[in-house]
Protein backbone atom coordinates (compact mmCIF):
# COMPACT_ATOMS: atom_id res chain seq x y z
CA MET A 1 66.42 219.30 160.93
CA ASN A 2 63.59 219.28 158.43
CA GLN A 3 60.56 217.24 159.49
CA PRO A 4 58.57 216.52 156.33
CA ASP A 5 54.79 216.08 156.41
CA HIS A 6 54.98 213.06 154.09
CA ILE A 7 57.54 210.28 153.83
CA ILE A 8 57.61 207.53 151.23
CA TYR A 9 59.71 204.53 152.18
CA ILE A 10 60.84 202.47 149.18
CA CYS A 11 62.38 199.07 149.70
CA THR A 12 65.59 198.56 147.73
CA GLY A 13 66.39 195.11 149.09
CA SER A 14 67.46 192.49 146.55
CA LYS A 15 64.00 191.31 145.38
CA CYS A 16 62.52 194.82 145.29
CA ASP A 17 65.61 196.13 143.53
CA LYS A 18 65.27 193.47 140.83
CA LYS A 19 61.69 194.66 140.30
CA GLY A 20 62.61 198.35 140.03
CA GLY A 21 62.78 199.56 143.63
CA LYS A 22 66.11 201.38 143.37
CA GLU A 23 65.19 202.97 140.03
CA CYS A 24 61.87 204.17 141.47
CA TYR A 25 63.70 205.62 144.50
CA LYS A 26 66.13 207.54 142.28
CA LYS A 27 63.38 208.96 140.05
CA GLY A 28 61.32 210.01 143.08
CA LYS A 29 64.33 211.77 144.62
CA LYS A 30 64.89 213.67 141.36
CA ILE A 31 61.28 214.88 141.35
CA ILE A 32 61.52 216.10 144.93
CA LYS A 33 64.92 217.72 144.39
CA SER A 34 63.77 219.60 141.29
CA SER A 35 60.65 220.82 143.09
CA LYS A 36 62.71 221.94 146.12
CA SER A 37 60.03 220.39 148.33
CA LYS A 38 60.67 220.36 152.05
CA ASN A 39 57.46 218.58 153.04
CA VAL A 40 57.95 215.37 151.06
CA GLU A 41 60.84 212.96 151.50
CA ILE A 42 61.73 209.57 150.05
CA ILE A 43 63.78 207.17 152.11
CA ARG A 44 65.10 203.92 150.78
CA THR A 45 65.02 200.96 153.09
CA GLU A 46 66.64 197.59 153.01
CA CYS A 47 64.47 194.50 153.18
CA THR A 48 60.95 194.98 154.58
CA ASP A 49 60.53 191.19 154.79
CA ARG A 50 57.70 191.23 152.24
CA CYS A 51 59.76 189.75 149.40
CA LYS A 52 56.88 187.73 147.94
CA LEU A 53 55.07 191.04 147.38
CA ALA A 54 57.97 192.93 145.79
CA PRO A 55 58.35 195.74 145.01
CA VAL A 56 57.17 197.32 148.27
CA ALA A 57 56.71 200.94 149.36
CA CYS A 58 54.99 202.63 152.30
CA TYR A 59 53.53 206.14 152.66
CA GLN A 60 53.59 207.88 156.01
CA PRO A 61 51.74 209.28 157.92
CA GLU A 62 48.93 207.53 156.00
CA ASN A 63 50.48 204.12 156.78
CA LYS A 64 49.50 202.94 153.31
CA TRP A 65 51.48 200.01 151.93
CA MET A 66 51.96 199.59 148.19
CA LEU A 67 52.65 195.97 147.31
CA MET A 68 53.64 194.80 143.83
CA TYR A 69 53.31 198.43 142.76
CA LYS A 70 53.94 199.87 139.34
CA GLN A 71 56.59 202.60 139.34
CA ASP A 72 54.10 205.08 137.85
CA GLU A 73 51.89 204.71 140.95
CA ILE A 74 54.69 205.78 143.28
CA LEU A 75 55.87 208.64 141.07
CA ALA A 76 52.27 209.90 140.66
CA LYS A 77 51.97 209.99 144.47
CA VAL A 78 55.24 211.94 144.74
CA LEU A 79 54.06 214.44 142.11
CA HIS A 80 50.70 214.79 143.84
CA LEU A 81 52.31 215.53 147.22
CA VAL A 82 54.79 218.00 145.70
CA LYS A 83 52.02 219.87 143.81
CA LYS A 84 49.80 219.86 146.89
CA GLU A 85 52.54 221.74 148.72
CA SER A 86 52.81 224.49 146.07
C-alpha cells in the first residue's frame, strides 16, 4: 500500500458540496492522476462538522485547516506538492 507524504482531505458534505467541495476534489484528483504522483493524495470526507465555515479542507501532516477556502488555493497547494516531488 502506498503511504503518501502529503494528504489533503476535502469535505464533500452537503454544505461544502454546495460551495464547491466535490468539484475541487475532482479537479485535485485529476491533477494528481496526470502527474502520476505517489506522494500526494486527496481524500474526500463527509461532514467535518464545520458547516458554518464551508467549504473545508485539511492538509496533513501539516495539520493546516483551510476554512471558507477558494478552490484556487487548494489546487495551487496540490500543484505545489506535485512539483515539489518532481
